[in-house]
All heavy atoms as atom14 arrays in JSON, in Angstrom:
{
  "sequence": "HFRDRDHLLAAVATAAARELTEAVRAATDAAGADPADRFAAAGSAYLR",
  "atom14_mask": [
    [1, 1, 1, 1, 1, 1, 1, 1, 1, 1, 0, 0, 0, 0],
    [1, 1, 1, 1, 1, 1, 1, 1, 1, 1, 1, 0, 0, 0],
    [1, 1, 1, 1, 1, 1, 1, 1, 1, 1, 1, 0, 0, 0],
    [1, 1, 1, 1, 1, 1, 1, 1, 0, 0, 0, 0, 0, 0],
    [1, 1, 1, 1, 1, 1, 1, 1, 1, 1, 1, 0, 0, 0],
    [1, 1, 1, 1, 1, 1, 1, 1, 0, 0, 0, 0, 0, 0],
    [1, 1, 1, 1, 1, 1, 1, 1, 1, 1, 0, 0, 0, 0],
    [1, 1, 1, 1, 1, 1, 1, 1, 0, 0, 0, 0, 0, 0],
    [1, 1, 1, 1, 1, 1, 1, 1, 0, 0, 0, 0, 0, 0],
    [1, 1, 1, 1, 1, 0, 0, 0, 0, 0, 0, 0, 0, 0],
    [1, 1, 1, 1, 1, 0, 0, 0, 0, 0, 0, 0, 0, 0],
    [1, 1, 1, 1, 1, 1, 1, 0, 0, 0, 0, 0, 0, 0],
    [1, 1, 1, 1, 1, 0, 0, 0, 0, 0, 0, 0, 0, 0],
    [1, 1, 1, 1, 1, 1, 1, 0, 0, 0, 0, 0, 0, 0],
    [1, 1, 1, 1, 1, 0, 0, 0, 0, 0, 0, 0, 0, 0],
    [1, 1, 1, 1, 1, 0, 0, 0, 0, 0, 0, 0, 0, 0],
    [1, 1, 1, 1, 1, 0, 0, 0, 0, 0, 0, 0, 0, 0],
    [1, 1, 1, 1, 1, 1, 1, 1, 1, 1, 1, 0, 0, 0],
    [1, 1, 1, 1, 1, 1, 1, 1, 1, 0, 0, 0, 0, 0],
    [1, 1, 1, 1, 1, 1, 1, 1, 0, 0, 0, 0, 0, 0],
    [1, 1, 1, 1, 1, 1, 1, 0, 0, 0, 0, 0, 0, 0],
    [1, 1, 1, 1, 1, 1, 1, 1, 1, 0, 0, 0, 0, 0],
    [1, 1, 1, 1, 1, 0, 0, 0, 0, 0, 0, 0, 0, 0],
    [1, 1, 1, 1, 1, 1, 1, 0, 0, 0, 0, 0, 0, 0],
    [1, 1, 1, 1, 1, 1, 1, 1, 1, 1, 1, 0, 0, 0],
    [1, 1, 1, 1, 1, 0, 0, 0, 0, 0, 0, 0, 0, 0],
    [1, 1, 1, 1, 1, 0, 0, 0, 0, 0, 0, 0, 0, 0],
    [1, 1, 1, 1, 1, 1, 1, 0, 0, 0, 0, 0, 0, 0],
    [1, 1, 1, 1, 1, 1, 1, 1, 0, 0, 0, 0, 0, 0],
    [1, 1, 1, 1, 1, 0, 0, 0, 0, 0, 0, 0, 0, 0],
    [1, 1, 1, 1, 1, 0, 0, 0, 0, 0, 0, 0, 0, 0],
    [1, 1, 1, 1, 0, 0, 0, 0, 0, 0, 0, 0, 0, 0],
    [1, 1, 1, 1, 1, 0, 0, 0, 0, 0, 0, 0, 0, 0],
    [1, 1, 1, 1, 1, 1, 1, 1, 0, 0, 0, 0, 0, 0],
    [1, 1, 1, 1, 1, 1, 1, 0, 0, 0, 0, 0, 0, 0],
    [1, 1, 1, 1, 1, 0, 0, 0, 0, 0, 0, 0, 0, 0],
    [1, 1, 1, 1, 1, 1, 1, 1, 0, 0, 0, 0, 0, 0],
    [1, 1, 1, 1, 1, 1, 1, 1, 1, 1, 1, 0, 0, 0],
    [1, 1, 1, 1, 1, 1, 1, 1, 1, 1, 1, 0, 0, 0],
    [1, 1, 1, 1, 1, 0, 0, 0, 0, 0, 0, 0, 0, 0],
    [1, 1, 1, 1, 1, 0, 0, 0, 0, 0, 0, 0, 0, 0],
    [1, 1, 1, 1, 1, 0, 0, 0, 0, 0, 0, 0, 0, 0],
    [1, 1, 1, 1, 0, 0, 0, 0, 0, 0, 0, 0, 0, 0],
    [1, 1, 1, 1, 1, 1, 0, 0, 0, 0, 0, 0, 0, 0],
    [1, 1, 1, 1, 1, 0, 0, 0, 0, 0, 0, 0, 0, 0],
    [1, 1, 1, 1, 1, 1, 1, 1, 1, 1, 1, 1, 0, 0],
    [1, 1, 1, 1, 1, 1, 1, 1, 0, 0, 0, 0, 0, 0],
    [1, 1, 1, 1, 1, 1, 1, 1, 1, 1, 1, 0, 0, 0]
  ],
  "atom14_positions": [
    [[0.81, -1.22, 0.0], [0.0, 0.0, 0.0], [0.85, 1.28, 0.0], [0.4, 2.31, -0.5], [-0.92, 0.01, 1.22], [-1.81, -1.19, 1.3], [-2.97, -1.3, 0.56], [-1.68, -2.35, 1.99], [-3.55, -2.47, 0.82], [-2.78, -3.13, 1.68], [0.0, 0.0, 0.0], [0.0, 0.0, 0.0], [0.0, 0.0, 0.0], [0.0, 0.0, 0.0]],
    [[2.05, 1.2, 0.57], [2.93, 2.38, 0.64], [4.32, 1.96, 0.16], [4.87, 0.97, 0.62], [3.0, 2.92, 2.07], [1.66, 3.35, 2.59], [0.94, 2.54, 3.47], [1.11, 4.56, 2.21], [-0.3, 2.93, 3.95], [-0.13, 4.96, 2.68], [-0.84, 4.15, 3.55], [0.0, 0.0, 0.0], [0.0, 0.0, 0.0], [0.0, 0.0, 0.0]],
    [[4.86, 2.75, -0.75], [6.11, 2.38, -1.4], [7.25, 2.22, -0.4], [8.07, 1.31, -0.52], [6.48, 3.44, -2.44], [7.7, 3.11, -3.28], [8.01, 4.26, -4.24], [6.81, 4.66, -4.99], [6.73, 5.76, -5.72], [7.78, 6.58, -5.8], [5.61, 6.04, -6.36], [0.0, 0.0, 0.0], [0.0, 0.0, 0.0], [0.0, 0.0, 0.0]],
    [[7.31, 3.11, 0.58], [8.39, 3.06, 1.56], [7.97, 3.83, 2.81], [6.83, 4.28, 2.92], [9.69, 3.64, 0.97], [9.5, 5.04, 0.37], [8.62, 5.78, 0.86], [10.21, 5.37, -0.59], [0.0, 0.0, 0.0], [0.0, 0.0, 0.0], [0.0, 0.0, 0.0], [0.0, 0.0, 0.0], [0.0, 0.0, 0.0], [0.0, 0.0, 0.0]],
    [[8.9, 3.95, 3.75], [8.63, 4.62, 5.02], [8.13, 6.04, 4.8], [7.16, 6.48, 5.45], [9.91, 4.63, 5.86], [9.84, 5.42, 7.17], [11.21, 5.36, 7.85], [11.24, 6.06, 9.12], [11.53, 7.34, 9.28], [11.79, 8.09, 8.19], [11.56, 7.9, 10.48], [0.0, 0.0, 0.0], [0.0, 0.0, 0.0], [0.0, 0.0, 0.0]],
    [[8.77, 6.78, 3.93], [8.39, 8.18, 3.73], [6.99, 8.32, 3.15], [6.26, 9.26, 3.47], [9.41, 8.88, 2.83], [10.71, 9.21, 3.58], [10.74, 9.03, 4.81], [11.67, 9.64, 2.93], [0.0, 0.0, 0.0], [0.0, 0.0, 0.0], [0.0, 0.0, 0.0], [0.0, 0.0, 0.0], [0.0, 0.0, 0.0], [0.0, 0.0, 0.0]],
    [[6.6, 7.4, 2.28], [5.25, 7.48, 1.71], [4.19, 7.15, 2.76], [3.09, 7.73, 2.73], [5.13, 6.55, 0.5], [5.74, 7.12, -0.74], [7.09, 7.01, -1.03], [5.2, 7.84, -1.77], [7.35, 7.61, -2.18], [6.22, 8.13, -2.65], [0.0, 0.0, 0.0], [0.0, 0.0, 0.0], [0.0, 0.0, 0.0], [0.0, 0.0, 0.0]],
    [[4.5, 6.25, 3.68], [3.58, 6.01, 4.8], [3.51, 7.25, 5.68], [2.41, 7.68, 6.09], [4.05, 4.79, 5.62], [3.27, 4.51, 6.9], [1.77, 4.35, 6.64], [3.83, 3.27, 7.6], [0.0, 0.0, 0.0], [0.0, 0.0, 0.0], [0.0, 0.0, 0.0], [0.0, 0.0, 0.0], [0.0, 0.0, 0.0], [0.0, 0.0, 0.0]],
    [[4.65, 7.86, 5.95], [4.65, 9.07, 6.76], [3.9, 10.21, 6.07], [3.25, 11.03, 6.72], [6.1, 9.5, 7.05], [6.84, 8.64, 8.08], [8.31, 9.04, 8.15], [6.19, 8.74, 9.45], [0.0, 0.0, 0.0], [0.0, 0.0, 0.0], [0.0, 0.0, 0.0], [0.0, 0.0, 0.0], [0.0, 0.0, 0.0], [0.0, 0.0, 0.0]],
    [[3.97, 10.27, 4.75], [3.23, 11.29, 4.02], [1.73, 11.1, 4.2], [0.97, 12.07, 4.33], [3.59, 11.26, 2.53], [0.0, 0.0, 0.0], [0.0, 0.0, 0.0], [0.0, 0.0, 0.0], [0.0, 0.0, 0.0], [0.0, 0.0, 0.0], [0.0, 0.0, 0.0], [0.0, 0.0, 0.0], [0.0, 0.0, 0.0], [0.0, 0.0, 0.0]],
    [[1.29, 9.84, 4.23], [-0.13, 9.56, 4.47], [-0.52, 9.95, 5.88], [-1.62, 10.48, 6.12], [-0.42, 8.08, 4.24], [0.0, 0.0, 0.0], [0.0, 0.0, 0.0], [0.0, 0.0, 0.0], [0.0, 0.0, 0.0], [0.0, 0.0, 0.0], [0.0, 0.0, 0.0], [0.0, 0.0, 0.0], [0.0, 0.0, 0.0], [0.0, 0.0, 0.0]],
    [[0.38, 9.74, 6.83], [0.12, 10.16, 8.22], [0.03, 11.68, 8.3], [-0.87, 12.24, 8.94], [1.22, 9.63, 9.15], [1.04, 10.16, 10.57], [1.23, 8.1, 9.17], [0.0, 0.0, 0.0], [0.0, 0.0, 0.0], [0.0, 0.0, 0.0], [0.0, 0.0, 0.0], [0.0, 0.0, 0.0], [0.0, 0.0, 0.0], [0.0, 0.0, 0.0]],
    [[0.96, 12.37, 7.65], [0.96, 13.83, 7.66], [-0.29, 14.38, 6.99], [-0.87, 15.37, 7.44], [2.21, 14.35, 6.95], [0.0, 0.0, 0.0], [0.0, 0.0, 0.0], [0.0, 0.0, 0.0], [0.0, 0.0, 0.0], [0.0, 0.0, 0.0], [0.0, 0.0, 0.0], [0.0, 0.0, 0.0], [0.0, 0.0, 0.0], [0.0, 0.0, 0.0]],
    [[-0.73, 13.74, 5.91], [-1.95, 14.16, 5.23], [-3.15, 14.03, 6.16], [-3.99, 14.95, 6.26], [-2.19, 13.32, 3.96], [-1.08, 13.51, 3.07], [-3.47, 13.72, 3.26], [0.0, 0.0, 0.0], [0.0, 0.0, 0.0], [0.0, 0.0, 0.0], [0.0, 0.0, 0.0], [0.0, 0.0, 0.0], [0.0, 0.0, 0.0], [0.0, 0.0, 0.0]],
    [[-3.23, 12.9, 6.85], [-4.33, 12.69, 7.79], [-4.3, 13.72, 8.91], [-5.34, 14.25, 9.32], [-4.27, 11.27, 8.36], [0.0, 0.0, 0.0], [0.0, 0.0, 0.0], [0.0, 0.0, 0.0], [0.0, 0.0, 0.0], [0.0, 0.0, 0.0], [0.0, 0.0, 0.0], [0.0, 0.0, 0.0], [0.0, 0.0, 0.0], [0.0, 0.0, 0.0]],
    [[-3.11, 14.0, 9.43], [-2.98, 14.98, 10.51], [-3.42, 16.37, 10.05], [-4.14, 17.08, 10.77], [-1.54, 15.02, 11.01], [0.0, 0.0, 0.0], [0.0, 0.0, 0.0], [0.0, 0.0, 0.0], [0.0, 0.0, 0.0], [0.0, 0.0, 0.0], [0.0, 0.0, 0.0], [0.0, 0.0, 0.0], [0.0, 0.0, 0.0], [0.0, 0.0, 0.0]],
    [[-3.0, 16.76, 8.84], [-3.38, 18.08, 8.33], [-4.89, 18.18, 8.13], [-5.51, 19.21, 8.44], [-2.65, 18.35, 7.01], [0.0, 0.0, 0.0], [0.0, 0.0, 0.0], [0.0, 0.0, 0.0], [0.0, 0.0, 0.0], [0.0, 0.0, 0.0], [0.0, 0.0, 0.0], [0.0, 0.0, 0.0], [0.0, 0.0, 0.0], [0.0, 0.0, 0.0]],
    [[-5.49, 17.12, 7.62], [-6.94, 17.14, 7.41], [-7.7, 17.18, 8.72], [-8.7, 17.9, 8.87], [-7.35, 15.91, 6.59], [-6.95, 16.0, 5.13], [-7.23, 14.72, 4.39], [-6.94, 14.87, 2.95], [-6.8, 13.84, 2.12], [-6.93, 12.6, 2.56], [-6.55, 14.06, 0.84], [0.0, 0.0, 0.0], [0.0, 0.0, 0.0], [0.0, 0.0, 0.0]],
    [[-7.24, 16.4, 9.7], [-7.89, 16.4, 11.01], [-7.76, 17.76, 11.69], [-8.7, 18.24, 12.33], [-7.3, 15.31, 11.89], [-7.68, 13.9, 11.45], [-7.02, 12.84, 12.31], [-6.53, 13.18, 13.41], [-6.99, 11.66, 11.89], [0.0, 0.0, 0.0], [0.0, 0.0, 0.0], [0.0, 0.0, 0.0], [0.0, 0.0, 0.0], [0.0, 0.0, 0.0]],
    [[-6.59, 18.38, 11.56], [-6.4, 19.71, 12.14], [-7.31, 20.72, 11.47], [-7.9, 21.58, 12.13], [-4.93, 20.14, 12.03], [-4.61, 21.55, 12.53], [-5.05, 21.74, 13.98], [-3.13, 21.84, 12.38], [0.0, 0.0, 0.0], [0.0, 0.0, 0.0], [0.0, 0.0, 0.0], [0.0, 0.0, 0.0], [0.0, 0.0, 0.0], [0.0, 0.0, 0.0]],
    [[-7.44, 20.64, 10.16], [-8.34, 21.54, 9.43], [-9.76, 21.41, 9.96], [-10.45, 22.41, 10.21], [-8.3, 21.24, 7.93], [-6.97, 21.45, 7.44], [-9.25, 22.15, 7.16], [0.0, 0.0, 0.0], [0.0, 0.0, 0.0], [0.0, 0.0, 0.0], [0.0, 0.0, 0.0], [0.0, 0.0, 0.0], [0.0, 0.0, 0.0], [0.0, 0.0, 0.0]],
    [[-10.22, 20.17, 10.15], [-11.56, 19.94, 10.67], [-11.71, 20.49, 12.09], [-12.74, 21.09, 12.44], [-11.88, 18.45, 10.65], [-12.01, 17.87, 9.25], [-12.18, 16.35, 9.26], [-12.26, 15.78, 10.37], [-12.25, 15.76, 8.17], [0.0, 0.0, 0.0], [0.0, 0.0, 0.0], [0.0, 0.0, 0.0], [0.0, 0.0, 0.0], [0.0, 0.0, 0.0]],
    [[-10.67, 20.3, 12.91], [-10.73, 20.79, 14.28], [-10.79, 22.31, 14.34], [-11.54, 22.89, 15.14], [-9.51, 20.28, 15.07], [0.0, 0.0, 0.0], [0.0, 0.0, 0.0], [0.0, 0.0, 0.0], [0.0, 0.0, 0.0], [0.0, 0.0, 0.0], [0.0, 0.0, 0.0], [0.0, 0.0, 0.0], [0.0, 0.0, 0.0], [0.0, 0.0, 0.0]],
    [[-10.0, 22.97, 13.49], [-10.01, 24.43, 13.46], [-11.35, 24.94, 12.95], [-11.92, 25.9, 13.51], [-8.85, 24.96, 12.6], [-8.97, 26.47, 12.38], [-7.51, 24.63, 13.26], [0.0, 0.0, 0.0], [0.0, 0.0, 0.0], [0.0, 0.0, 0.0], [0.0, 0.0, 0.0], [0.0, 0.0, 0.0], [0.0, 0.0, 0.0], [0.0, 0.0, 0.0]],
    [[-11.89, 24.31, 11.92], [-13.2, 24.74, 11.4], [-14.28, 24.61, 12.47], [-15.12, 25.5, 12.64], [-13.57, 23.91, 10.18], [-12.86, 24.36, 8.91], [-13.32, 23.56, 7.72], [-12.67, 24.03, 6.49], [-12.26, 23.25, 5.52], [-12.43, 21.94, 5.61], [-11.69, 23.75, 4.44], [0.0, 0.0, 0.0], [0.0, 0.0, 0.0], [0.0, 0.0, 0.0]],
    [[-14.28, 23.5, 13.19], [-15.28, 23.29, 14.23], [-15.14, 24.34, 15.33], [-16.14, 24.89, 15.82], [-15.15, 21.88, 14.81], [0.0, 0.0, 0.0], [0.0, 0.0, 0.0], [0.0, 0.0, 0.0], [0.0, 0.0, 0.0], [0.0, 0.0, 0.0], [0.0, 0.0, 0.0], [0.0, 0.0, 0.0], [0.0, 0.0, 0.0], [0.0, 0.0, 0.0]],
    [[-13.91, 24.64, 15.72], [-13.68, 25.61, 16.79], [-14.07, 27.01, 16.37], [-14.67, 27.76, 17.14], [-12.22, 25.57, 17.22], [0.0, 0.0, 0.0], [0.0, 0.0, 0.0], [0.0, 0.0, 0.0], [0.0, 0.0, 0.0], [0.0, 0.0, 0.0], [0.0, 0.0, 0.0], [0.0, 0.0, 0.0], [0.0, 0.0, 0.0], [0.0, 0.0, 0.0]],
    [[-13.73, 27.38, 15.14], [-14.06, 28.74, 14.69], [-15.55, 28.89, 14.45], [-16.12, 29.96, 14.7], [-13.28, 29.09, 13.42], [-13.5, 28.09, 12.41], [-11.78, 29.17, 13.71], [0.0, 0.0, 0.0], [0.0, 0.0, 0.0], [0.0, 0.0, 0.0], [0.0, 0.0, 0.0], [0.0, 0.0, 0.0], [0.0, 0.0, 0.0], [0.0, 0.0, 0.0]],
    [[-16.22, 27.84, 13.99], [-17.66, 27.9, 13.83], [-18.35, 28.1, 15.17], [-19.34, 28.84, 15.28], [-18.19, 26.63, 13.17], [-17.85, 26.53, 11.69], [-17.43, 27.56, 11.12], [-17.97, 25.44, 11.12], [0.0, 0.0, 0.0], [0.0, 0.0, 0.0], [0.0, 0.0, 0.0], [0.0, 0.0, 0.0], [0.0, 0.0, 0.0], [0.0, 0.0, 0.0]],
    [[-17.82, 27.46, 16.21], [-18.4, 27.58, 17.54], [-18.09, 28.93, 18.19], [-18.77, 29.33, 19.14], [-17.9, 26.45, 18.43], [0.0, 0.0, 0.0], [0.0, 0.0, 0.0], [0.0, 0.0, 0.0], [0.0, 0.0, 0.0], [0.0, 0.0, 0.0], [0.0, 0.0, 0.0], [0.0, 0.0, 0.0], [0.0, 0.0, 0.0], [0.0, 0.0, 0.0]],
    [[-17.07, 29.62, 17.68], [-16.64, 30.88, 18.3], [-17.54, 32.06, 17.96], [-17.43, 33.12, 18.57], [-15.2, 31.19, 17.9], [0.0, 0.0, 0.0], [0.0, 0.0, 0.0], [0.0, 0.0, 0.0], [0.0, 0.0, 0.0], [0.0, 0.0, 0.0], [0.0, 0.0, 0.0], [0.0, 0.0, 0.0], [0.0, 0.0, 0.0], [0.0, 0.0, 0.0]],
    [[-18.4, 31.9, 16.96], [-19.29, 33.0, 16.58], [-18.79, 33.77, 15.38], [-17.96, 33.28, 14.61], [0.0, 0.0, 0.0], [0.0, 0.0, 0.0], [0.0, 0.0, 0.0], [0.0, 0.0, 0.0], [0.0, 0.0, 0.0], [0.0, 0.0, 0.0], [0.0, 0.0, 0.0], [0.0, 0.0, 0.0], [0.0, 0.0, 0.0], [0.0, 0.0, 0.0]],
    [[-19.27, 35.01, 15.26], [-19.01, 35.79, 14.04], [-17.85, 36.75, 14.17], [-17.32, 37.22, 13.15], [-20.27, 36.57, 13.65], [0.0, 0.0, 0.0], [0.0, 0.0, 0.0], [0.0, 0.0, 0.0], [0.0, 0.0, 0.0], [0.0, 0.0, 0.0], [0.0, 0.0, 0.0], [0.0, 0.0, 0.0], [0.0, 0.0, 0.0], [0.0, 0.0, 0.0]],
    [[-17.43, 37.09, 15.37], [-16.37, 38.08, 15.54], [-15.04, 37.54, 15.01], [-14.58, 36.47, 15.45], [-16.21, 38.45, 17.02], [-15.15, 39.5, 17.22], [-15.44, 40.7, 17.01], [-14.01, 39.14, 17.57], [0.0, 0.0, 0.0], [0.0, 0.0, 0.0], [0.0, 0.0, 0.0], [0.0, 0.0, 0.0], [0.0, 0.0, 0.0], [0.0, 0.0, 0.0]],
    [[-14.4, 38.25, 14.07], [-13.16, 37.74, 13.46], [-12.04, 37.49, 14.46], [-11.29, 36.52, 14.33], [-12.78, 38.84, 12.47], [-14.07, 39.5, 12.12], [-14.87, 39.48, 13.4], [0.0, 0.0, 0.0], [0.0, 0.0, 0.0], [0.0, 0.0, 0.0], [0.0, 0.0, 0.0], [0.0, 0.0, 0.0], [0.0, 0.0, 0.0], [0.0, 0.0, 0.0]],
    [[-11.91, 38.37, 15.47], [-10.85, 38.18, 16.46], [-11.1, 36.94, 17.3], [-10.17, 36.2, 17.63], [-10.75, 39.42, 17.35], [0.0, 0.0, 0.0], [0.0, 0.0, 0.0], [0.0, 0.0, 0.0], [0.0, 0.0, 0.0], [0.0, 0.0, 0.0], [0.0, 0.0, 0.0], [0.0, 0.0, 0.0], [0.0, 0.0, 0.0], [0.0, 0.0, 0.0]],
    [[-12.37, 36.69, 17.64], [-12.7, 35.49, 18.41], [-12.44, 34.24, 17.59], [-11.96, 33.23, 18.11], [-14.17, 35.53, 18.83], [-14.45, 36.55, 19.92], [-13.5, 37.01, 20.57], [-15.64, 36.88, 20.11], [0.0, 0.0, 0.0], [0.0, 0.0, 0.0], [0.0, 0.0, 0.0], [0.0, 0.0, 0.0], [0.0, 0.0, 0.0], [0.0, 0.0, 0.0]],
    [[-12.76, 34.29, 16.32], [-12.54, 33.13, 15.46], [-11.04, 32.85, 15.28], [-10.61, 31.7, 15.32], [-13.21, 33.37, 14.1], [-14.73, 33.35, 14.17], [-15.36, 33.84, 12.87], [-15.03, 32.99, 11.74], [-15.64, 31.84, 11.46], [-16.6, 31.39, 12.24], [-15.29, 31.13, 10.4], [0.0, 0.0, 0.0], [0.0, 0.0, 0.0], [0.0, 0.0, 0.0]],
    [[-10.26, 33.89, 15.12], [-8.81, 33.74, 14.98], [-8.23, 33.17, 16.28], [-7.37, 32.28, 16.24], [-8.18, 35.1, 14.67], [-6.72, 35.04, 14.32], [-6.3, 34.56, 13.09], [-5.76, 35.47, 15.22], [-4.94, 34.51, 12.76], [-4.41, 35.42, 14.9], [-4.0, 34.94, 13.67], [0.0, 0.0, 0.0], [0.0, 0.0, 0.0], [0.0, 0.0, 0.0]],
    [[-8.72, 33.67, 17.42], [-8.24, 33.17, 18.7], [-8.61, 31.7, 18.89], [-7.82, 30.9, 19.39], [-8.82, 34.01, 19.84], [0.0, 0.0, 0.0], [0.0, 0.0, 0.0], [0.0, 0.0, 0.0], [0.0, 0.0, 0.0], [0.0, 0.0, 0.0], [0.0, 0.0, 0.0], [0.0, 0.0, 0.0], [0.0, 0.0, 0.0], [0.0, 0.0, 0.0]],
    [[-9.82, 31.34, 18.47], [-10.26, 29.94, 18.59], [-9.4, 29.01, 17.74], [-9.16, 27.86, 18.11], [-11.72, 29.82, 18.18], [0.0, 0.0, 0.0], [0.0, 0.0, 0.0], [0.0, 0.0, 0.0], [0.0, 0.0, 0.0], [0.0, 0.0, 0.0], [0.0, 0.0, 0.0], [0.0, 0.0, 0.0], [0.0, 0.0, 0.0], [0.0, 0.0, 0.0]],
    [[-8.92, 29.51, 16.61], [-8.03, 28.71, 15.77], [-6.74, 28.38, 16.51], [-6.2, 27.28, 16.39], [-7.73, 29.45, 14.47], [0.0, 0.0, 0.0], [0.0, 0.0, 0.0], [0.0, 0.0, 0.0], [0.0, 0.0, 0.0], [0.0, 0.0, 0.0], [0.0, 0.0, 0.0], [0.0, 0.0, 0.0], [0.0, 0.0, 0.0], [0.0, 0.0, 0.0]],
    [[-6.24, 29.35, 17.28], [-5.03, 29.11, 18.05], [-5.2, 28.05, 19.11], [-4.35, 27.16, 19.26], [0.0, 0.0, 0.0], [0.0, 0.0, 0.0], [0.0, 0.0, 0.0], [0.0, 0.0, 0.0], [0.0, 0.0, 0.0], [0.0, 0.0, 0.0], [0.0, 0.0, 0.0], [0.0, 0.0, 0.0], [0.0, 0.0, 0.0], [0.0, 0.0, 0.0]],
    [[-6.3, 28.12, 19.85], [-6.51, 27.11, 20.89], [-6.81, 25.74, 20.29], [-6.41, 24.71, 20.84], [-7.65, 27.54, 21.83], [-8.88, 27.61, 21.15], [0.0, 0.0, 0.0], [0.0, 0.0, 0.0], [0.0, 0.0, 0.0], [0.0, 0.0, 0.0], [0.0, 0.0, 0.0], [0.0, 0.0, 0.0], [0.0, 0.0, 0.0], [0.0, 0.0, 0.0]],
    [[-7.5, 25.71, 19.13], [-7.76, 24.43, 18.46], [-6.46, 23.78, 18.02], [-6.28, 22.56, 18.15], [-8.69, 24.65, 17.27], [0.0, 0.0, 0.0], [0.0, 0.0, 0.0], [0.0, 0.0, 0.0], [0.0, 0.0, 0.0], [0.0, 0.0, 0.0], [0.0, 0.0, 0.0], [0.0, 0.0, 0.0], [0.0, 0.0, 0.0], [0.0, 0.0, 0.0]],
    [[-5.55, 24.58, 17.48], [-4.23, 24.07, 17.08], [-3.52, 23.49, 18.29], [-2.96, 22.38, 18.24], [-3.42, 25.2, 16.46], [-2.08, 24.78, 15.88], [-1.88, 24.77, 14.51], [-1.01, 24.42, 16.7], [-0.65, 24.39, 13.97], [0.2, 24.05, 16.18], [0.39, 24.04, 14.83], [1.61, 23.66, 14.3], [0.0, 0.0, 0.0], [0.0, 0.0, 0.0]],
    [[-3.51, 24.22, 19.39], [-2.84, 23.77, 20.6], [-3.41, 22.44, 21.08], [-2.67, 21.49, 21.36], [-2.99, 24.84, 21.69], [-2.68, 24.42, 23.13], [-1.22, 24.04, 23.28], [-3.04, 25.53, 24.1], [0.0, 0.0, 0.0], [0.0, 0.0, 0.0], [0.0, 0.0, 0.0], [0.0, 0.0, 0.0], [0.0, 0.0, 0.0], [0.0, 0.0, 0.0]],
    [[-4.73, 22.36, 21.18], [-5.36, 21.13, 21.67], [-5.05, 19.95, 20.75], [-4.79, 18.84, 21.23], [-6.88, 21.32, 21.75], [-7.34, 22.32, 22.79], [-8.85, 22.55, 22.66], [-9.3, 23.68, 23.41], [-9.6, 23.66, 24.7], [-9.47, 22.53, 25.37], [-10.02, 24.75, 25.32], [0.0, 0.0, 0.0], [0.0, 0.0, 0.0], [0.0, 0.0, 0.0]]
  ]
}
């Protein structure tokens, strides 16, 4: 399924980036409409 170690790691990195994107979207959607609040929520979502 994966040519070598690096290609498996690339699949892991892809999954991590996609999961982080989903986490940030969920956090910013929950933060409301204020741009500063949404930006701040992105920071805490990244941290978590």
